[in-house]
């Protein structure tokens, strides 16, 4: 019953089904200009197991099926023109079972793998796995598969625990740290004064050039000039940070944030040395622009669509943000540019999968 519902959901979404696998395996695929993306559904409900070696062998077989059908001894699957040259095959494995620990172990050792617990209606996507795959996440999260009494206390508690894991913890903690630092400094003095910010961790070029206080590159990213400055950055951080975190994971989100903060601060510092236009610099905007740059990569990597975002939409947001920064006074635009570039590059390095291409 569960397999039939899952198959119906994939077919309704426009996938085709290939039946050349063992009974507890199913391959759903779509073909388009970008190539083939395939989902290997593995039924682990009746005691079936899958090893890491089997996972690798299945991925190799699926890739050969679509990219080298003659060499693999198979005909081209239905819906794909004979003689079509497929340069890109993207594969996701969906483990369907009741043993969350077993699924978690496989996800830790295998790439491009999600888990699904039908008894709880819960989709498991761990930090080392892609956060989206051609819009399937929303389909699976809303797919209602029930087995008996799923409303008992234990399953309800477990379901709540898994839902909590989807919260953007890193974004929340980073925003909380920025707010806490602002409140402490506000109690000590006037955060709108450049001299006060410079004395309490802001970045001023001479303090780095002559006093070698490089730590200010980092601390300045958590200090803000007044409440309006703080609110602007935190609203943007929560909006874009939560989306990027869901896509790339909690740890990668933290790494991208810190690298972007440092990258934006360094470019700001060197540009002030170059122009000799010195000023106290502070604020999380370099890191926030790094998150936007990372989000651009995530959207591009997911073929131009991610959680309602498109490549064009993100590029428009970047263009408008940079424009208002250049035409506004007292805005450290070079920190924005440096943060965005390092955020884009660091996300590209951290968030990728081993895709097969021509």
Protein backbone atom coordinates (compact mmCIF):
# COMPACT_ATOMS: atom_id res chain seq x y z
CA UNK A 1 0.00 0.00 0.00
CA UNK A 2 2.83 2.39 0.92
CA UNK A 3 4.77 1.61 -2.24
CA UNK A 4 1.67 2.19 -4.36
CA UNK A 5 1.08 5.60 -2.78
CA UNK A 6 4.68 6.66 -3.29
CA UNK A 7 4.65 5.45 -6.88
CA UNK A 8 1.39 7.32 -7.53
CA UNK A 9 2.87 10.52 -6.11
CA UNK A 10 5.93 10.30 -8.36
CA UNK A 11 3.87 9.50 -11.45
CA UNK A 12 1.55 12.41 -10.72
CA UNK A 13 4.59 14.69 -10.58
CA UNK A 14 5.56 13.62 -14.09
CA UNK A 15 8.11 10.91 -13.33
CA UNK A 16 8.35 7.65 -15.23
CA UNK A 17 9.10 4.29 -13.62
CA UNK A 18 11.79 1.81 -14.68
CA UNK A 19 11.27 -1.78 -13.56
CA UNK A 20 14.73 -3.23 -14.14
CA UNK A 21 15.65 -3.52 -10.44
CA UNK A 22 14.99 -6.05 -7.62
CA UNK A 23 11.50 -6.02 -6.10
CA UNK A 24 12.38 -3.75 -3.20
CA UNK A 25 13.93 -1.13 -5.49
CA UNK A 26 12.21 1.31 -7.82
CA UNK A 27 13.67 3.92 -10.14
CA UNK A 28 11.66 7.04 -10.96
CA UNK A 29 13.14 9.39 -13.56
CA UNK A 30 12.49 12.55 -15.56
CA UNK A 31 14.17 13.56 -18.79
CA UNK A 32 14.64 17.12 -20.01
CA UNK A 33 17.06 19.53 -21.61
CA UNK A 34 19.25 19.49 -18.50
CA UNK A 35 19.58 15.69 -18.63
CA UNK A 36 18.08 13.03 -16.38
CA UNK A 37 17.37 13.18 -12.66
CA UNK A 38 16.48 9.87 -11.10
CA UNK A 39 15.22 8.77 -7.68
CA UNK A 40 16.04 5.28 -6.47
CA UNK A 41 13.33 4.33 -3.96
CA UNK A 42 14.50 1.54 -1.63
CA UNK A 43 11.82 -0.33 0.34
CA UNK A 44 13.29 -1.24 3.75
CA UNK A 45 9.93 -1.84 5.42
CA UNK A 46 9.96 -5.67 5.39
CA UNK A 47 13.40 -6.27 6.82
CA UNK A 48 15.25 -5.47 3.60
CA UNK A 49 18.67 -3.91 4.07
CA UNK A 50 21.06 -2.01 1.84
CA UNK A 51 24.84 -1.73 2.18
CA UNK A 52 27.15 1.07 1.13
CA UNK A 53 28.54 -1.19 -1.58
CA UNK A 54 25.05 -1.84 -2.94
CA UNK A 55 24.37 1.90 -2.94
CA UNK A 56 27.50 2.56 -5.04
CA UNK A 57 26.69 -0.31 -7.42
CA UNK A 58 23.11 0.92 -7.92
CA UNK A 59 24.24 4.48 -8.66
CA UNK A 60 26.76 3.14 -11.19
CA UNK A 61 24.10 0.99 -12.84
CA UNK A 62 21.59 3.84 -13.06
CA UNK A 63 24.18 6.17 -14.54
CA UNK A 64 25.11 3.56 -17.15
CA UNK A 65 21.45 2.94 -17.92
CA UNK A 66 20.83 6.51 -18.99
CA UNK A 67 24.20 7.63 -20.31
CA UNK A 68 25.43 4.37 -21.88
CA UNK A 69 22.38 2.17 -22.55
CA UNK A 70 24.05 0.11 -25.30
CA UNK A 71 27.21 -0.60 -23.32
CA UNK A 72 25.14 -1.53 -20.25
CA UNK A 73 23.07 -4.00 -22.25
CA UNK A 74 19.78 -2.10 -21.82
CA UNK A 75 17.45 -0.28 -24.14
CA UNK A 76 16.91 3.42 -23.61
CA UNK A 77 14.14 3.78 -20.96
CA UNK A 78 10.67 4.90 -22.04
CA UNK A 79 10.27 8.58 -22.79
CA UNK A 80 13.88 9.16 -23.83
CA UNK A 81 14.54 9.40 -27.58
CA UNK A 82 16.70 6.68 -29.10
CA UNK A 83 20.21 7.95 -29.68
CA UNK A 84 19.82 10.85 -27.24
CA UNK A 85 23.15 11.86 -25.74
CA UNK A 86 22.67 12.43 -22.04
CA UNK A 87 25.52 14.39 -20.49
CA UNK A 88 24.10 14.87 -17.02
CA UNK A 89 22.61 12.23 -14.73
CA UNK A 90 21.69 13.26 -11.19
CA UNK A 91 20.67 10.53 -8.76
CA UNK A 92 18.98 10.63 -5.34
CA UNK A 93 18.43 7.57 -3.17
CA UNK A 94 15.26 7.53 -1.02
CA UNK A 95 15.37 5.02 1.84
CA UNK A 96 11.86 4.07 3.03
CA UNK A 97 11.73 2.26 6.37
CA UNK A 98 10.99 2.29 10.07
CA UNK A 99 14.51 2.05 11.54
CA UNK A 100 15.67 5.68 11.84
CA UNK A 101 19.07 4.62 13.20
CA UNK A 102 19.76 2.38 10.20
CA UNK A 103 18.71 5.10 7.78
CA UNK A 104 20.85 7.65 9.64
CA UNK A 105 23.91 5.36 9.33
CA UNK A 106 23.44 4.93 5.58
CA UNK A 107 22.91 8.66 5.07
CA UNK A 108 26.16 9.35 6.93
CA UNK A 109 28.12 7.01 4.64
CA UNK A 110 26.38 7.54 1.29
CA UNK A 111 25.97 10.68 -0.80
CA UNK A 112 22.69 11.99 -2.23
CA UNK A 113 20.53 9.99 0.18
CA UNK A 114 17.32 10.89 2.01
CA UNK A 115 15.29 8.83 4.47
CA UNK A 116 11.52 8.55 4.82
CA UNK A 117 9.61 7.15 7.82
CA UNK A 118 6.05 6.41 6.62
CA UNK A 119 4.75 5.58 10.10
CA UNK A 120 5.51 9.17 11.18
CA UNK A 121 5.12 10.84 7.81
CA UNK A 122 8.63 12.19 8.38
CA UNK A 123 11.27 13.05 5.78
CA UNK A 124 14.86 12.79 7.09
CA UNK A 125 17.45 15.05 5.43
CA UNK A 126 20.78 15.25 7.22
CA UNK A 127 23.35 18.05 7.04
CA UNK A 128 25.66 16.17 4.66
CA UNK A 129 22.85 15.65 2.15
CA UNK A 130 21.26 17.97 -0.46
CA UNK A 131 18.44 20.02 1.01
CA UNK A 132 16.35 19.88 -2.16
CA UNK A 133 16.05 17.70 -5.26
CA UNK A 134 13.94 19.09 -8.07
CA UNK A 135 11.05 20.05 -5.79
CA UNK A 136 10.64 16.59 -4.26
CA UNK A 137 11.09 17.78 -0.69
CA UNK A 138 7.72 19.52 -0.50
CA UNK A 139 6.01 16.58 -2.20
CA UNK A 140 7.37 14.05 0.29
CA UNK A 141 6.79 16.28 3.31
CA UNK A 142 3.10 16.58 2.44
CA UNK A 143 2.65 12.94 1.41
CA UNK A 144 0.36 11.20 3.91
CA UNK A 145 1.35 7.61 4.50
CA UNK A 146 -0.06 6.00 7.62
CA UNK A 147 0.33 2.58 9.16
CA UNK A 148 -2.06 1.72 11.96
CA UNK A 149 -2.13 4.01 14.97
CA UNK A 150 0.52 6.69 14.26
CA UNK A 151 -0.94 9.02 16.86
CA UNK A 152 0.45 7.18 19.89
CA UNK A 153 2.61 9.15 22.30
CA UNK A 154 5.98 7.69 21.34
CA UNK A 155 5.65 8.33 17.61
CA UNK A 156 4.31 11.82 18.29
CA UNK A 157 7.32 12.66 20.45
CA UNK A 158 9.73 11.28 17.88
CA UNK A 159 8.01 13.22 15.10
CA UNK A 160 8.31 16.43 17.09
CA UNK A 161 11.99 15.71 17.71
CA UNK A 162 12.66 15.33 13.98
CA UNK A 163 10.75 18.53 13.21
CA UNK A 164 12.89 20.43 15.69
CA UNK A 165 15.97 19.36 13.76
CA UNK A 166 14.70 21.31 10.78
CA UNK A 167 14.82 24.63 12.66
CA UNK A 168 17.54 27.02 11.41
CA UNK A 169 19.51 26.83 14.65
CA UNK A 170 22.61 28.50 13.25
CA UNK A 171 20.69 31.51 11.96
CA UNK A 172 18.82 31.88 15.25
CA UNK A 173 22.01 31.67 17.33
CA UNK A 174 23.90 34.14 15.12
CA UNK A 175 21.04 36.64 15.29
CA UNK A 176 20.84 36.19 19.07
CA UNK A 177 24.57 36.85 19.45
CA UNK A 178 24.31 40.06 17.43
CA UNK A 179 21.36 41.26 19.51
CA UNK A 180 23.09 40.37 22.78
CA UNK A 181 26.28 42.22 21.80
CA UNK A 182 24.21 45.27 20.85
CA UNK A 183 22.36 45.28 24.19
CA UNK A 184 25.60 45.00 26.18
CA UNK A 185 27.26 47.84 24.27
CA UNK A 186 24.15 49.98 24.51
CA UNK A 187 24.34 49.65 28.29
CA UNK A 188 27.98 50.75 28.21
CA UNK A 189 27.58 53.78 25.94
CA UNK A 190 26.17 55.19 22.70
CA UNK A 191 26.45 52.67 19.87
CA UNK A 192 25.75 55.42 17.31
CA UNK A 193 29.12 57.06 17.97
CA UNK A 194 32.01 55.92 15.80
CA UNK A 195 34.59 56.54 18.52
CA UNK A 196 32.69 54.32 20.97
CA UNK A 197 32.37 51.52 18.40
CA UNK A 198 36.06 51.86 17.57
CA UNK A 199 36.98 51.48 21.23
CA UNK A 200 34.79 48.39 21.66
CA UNK A 201 35.73 46.11 18.78
CA UNK A 202 34.94 48.04 15.61
CA UNK A 203 37.41 47.94 12.74
CA UNK A 204 39.61 50.99 12.03
CA UNK A 205 42.48 50.57 9.54
CA UNK A 206 45.27 52.03 11.68
CA UNK A 207 44.44 49.69 14.55
CA UNK A 208 45.13 46.77 12.23
CA UNK A 209 47.97 48.32 10.24
CA UNK A 210 50.05 49.53 13.17
CA UNK A 211 48.72 47.70 16.22
CA UNK A 212 48.19 44.37 14.42
CA UNK A 213 44.72 43.95 15.95
CA UNK A 214 43.50 41.58 13.25
CA UNK A 215 40.85 40.20 15.56
CA UNK A 216 38.83 43.35 14.85
CA UNK A 217 37.98 41.94 11.40
CA UNK A 218 35.90 39.32 13.23
CA UNK A 219 34.54 41.30 16.19
CA UNK A 220 33.40 44.20 14.01
CA UNK A 221 30.95 41.84 12.31
CA UNK A 222 28.96 41.47 15.51
CA UNK A 223 28.75 45.19 16.40
CA UNK A 224 26.18 47.65 15.05
CA UNK A 225 25.70 51.42 14.86
CA UNK A 226 22.40 51.82 16.66
CA UNK A 227 19.11 49.93 16.66
CA UNK A 228 18.12 50.63 13.04
CA UNK A 229 21.41 49.25 11.76
CA UNK A 230 20.96 46.12 13.87
CA UNK A 231 17.35 45.54 12.81
CA UNK A 232 18.10 45.94 9.10
CA UNK A 233 20.85 43.34 9.23
CA UNK A 234 18.98 40.89 11.47
CA UNK A 235 15.83 40.96 9.36
CA UNK A 236 17.89 40.16 6.27
CA UNK A 237 19.87 37.50 8.13
CA UNK A 238 16.73 35.71 9.32
CA UNK A 239 15.08 35.89 5.89
CA UNK A 240 17.93 34.63 3.75
CA UNK A 241 19.90 32.74 6.39
CA UNK A 242 17.09 30.34 7.26
CA UNK A 243 16.65 29.41 3.60
CA UNK A 244 20.34 28.84 2.99
CA UNK A 245 20.63 26.82 6.20
CA UNK A 246 17.82 24.49 5.13
CA UNK A 247 19.57 23.98 1.81
CA UNK A 248 23.16 23.39 2.97
CA UNK A 249 22.88 22.43 6.64
CA UNK A 250 23.66 23.99 10.01
CA UNK A 251 27.44 23.59 10.06
CA UNK A 252 28.00 24.73 6.48
CA UNK A 253 25.81 27.75 7.17
CA UNK A 254 28.04 28.75 10.09
CA UNK A 255 31.19 28.30 8.01
CA UNK A 256 29.81 30.39 5.14
CA UNK A 257 28.72 33.13 7.56
CA UNK A 258 32.12 33.41 9.25
CA UNK A 259 34.10 33.21 6.00
CA UNK A 260 31.87 35.91 4.46
CA UNK A 261 32.26 38.11 7.54
CA UNK A 262 36.04 37.84 7.35
CA UNK A 263 36.12 38.23 3.56
CA UNK A 264 33.97 41.34 3.67
CA UNK A 265 36.05 42.83 6.48
CA UNK A 266 39.33 42.19 4.69
CA UNK A 267 38.19 43.76 1.42
CA UNK A 268 36.86 46.78 3.34
CA UNK A 269 40.18 47.13 5.16
CA UNK A 270 42.34 46.92 2.03
CA UNK A 271 40.09 49.30 0.08
CA UNK A 272 40.32 51.89 2.87
CA UNK A 273 44.11 51.57 2.75
CA UNK A 274 44.00 51.98 -1.01
CA UNK A 275 41.73 55.03 -1.04
CA UNK A 276 43.10 56.49 2.22
CA UNK A 277 39.47 57.11 3.22
CA UNK A 278 39.54 55.79 6.78
CA UNK A 279 36.42 55.18 8.86
CA UNK A 280 35.25 52.94 11.66
CA UNK A 281 33.57 49.89 10.13
CA UNK A 282 31.15 47.55 11.89
CA UNK A 283 28.07 45.47 11.23
CA UNK A 284 27.01 42.04 10.02
CA UNK A 285 26.14 43.21 6.51
CA UNK A 286 29.26 41.65 4.98
CA UNK A 287 28.25 38.26 6.38
CA UNK A 288 24.60 38.82 5.37
CA UNK A 289 25.64 39.60 1.81
CA UNK A 290 27.76 36.45 1.95
CA UNK A 291 24.61 34.48 2.80
CA UNK A 292 22.89 36.08 -0.20
CA UNK A 293 25.84 35.08 -2.38
CA UNK A 294 25.64 31.55 -0.99
CA UNK A 295 21.93 31.47 -1.68
CA UNK A 296 22.63 32.44 -5.28
CA UNK A 297 24.91 29.43 -5.65
CA UNK A 298 22.36 27.12 -4.00
CA UNK A 299 19.63 28.29 -6.39
CA UNK A 300 21.92 27.92 -9.42
CA UNK A 301 22.98 24.47 -8.25
CA UNK A 302 19.34 23.37 -7.93
CA UNK A 303 18.72 24.33 -11.55
CA UNK A 304 17.40 27.80 -10.86
CA UNK A 305 14.71 27.02 -8.28
CA UNK A 306 14.87 26.64 -4.51
CA UNK A 307 12.03 27.16 -2.01
CA UNK A 308 10.22 29.56 -4.33
CA UNK A 309 13.41 31.45 -5.22
CA UNK A 310 14.75 31.71 -8.76
CA UNK A 311 18.15 32.69 -10.10
CA UNK A 312 16.67 35.81 -11.65
CA UNK A 313 14.98 36.79 -8.40
CA UNK A 314 18.15 36.40 -6.34
CA UNK A 315 20.19 38.34 -8.91
CA UNK A 316 17.62 41.15 -8.81
CA UNK A 317 17.82 41.22 -5.01
CA UNK A 318 21.62 41.43 -5.21
CA UNK A 319 21.53 44.20 -7.82
CA UNK A 320 19.08 46.30 -5.82
CA UNK A 321 20.99 45.78 -2.57
CA UNK A 322 24.30 46.80 -4.14
CA UNK A 323 22.72 49.77 -5.88
CA UNK A 324 21.20 51.19 -2.70
CA UNK A 325 24.51 50.62 -0.97
CA UNK A 326 26.47 52.59 -3.57
CA UNK A 327 24.04 55.53 -3.59
CA UNK A 328 23.75 55.68 0.21
CA UNK A 329 26.12 57.53 2.47
CA UNK A 330 28.07 55.92 5.29
CA UNK A 331 27.64 52.40 3.92
CA UNK A 332 30.66 50.09 3.75
CA UNK A 333 29.91 48.82 0.27
CA UNK A 334 33.22 47.03 -0.15
CA UNK A 335 32.35 44.86 2.84
CA UNK A 336 29.14 43.92 1.02
CA UNK A 337 31.01 43.05 -2.17
CA UNK A 338 33.72 41.09 -0.35
CA UNK A 339 31.19 39.21 1.74
CA UNK A 340 29.08 38.31 -1.28
CA UNK A 341 32.03 37.01 -3.28
CA UNK A 342 33.43 34.91 -0.45
CA UNK A 343 29.95 33.66 0.42
CA UNK A 344 29.31 32.54 -3.14
CA UNK A 345 32.71 30.83 -3.46
CA UNK A 346 32.64 29.14 -0.05
CA UNK A 347 29.14 27.79 -0.66
CA UNK A 348 30.21 26.50 -4.07
CA UNK A 349 33.05 24.62 -2.38
CA UNK A 350 31.00 23.28 0.52
CA UNK A 351 27.71 22.55 -1.25
CA UNK A 352 28.17 20.21 -4.18
CA UNK A 353 27.59 16.64 -5.20
CA UNK A 354 29.61 14.28 -7.33
CA UNK A 355 27.66 14.80 -10.57
CA UNK A 356 28.57 12.98 -13.76
CA UNK A 357 28.97 15.32 -16.73
CA UNK A 358 30.40 15.17 -20.23
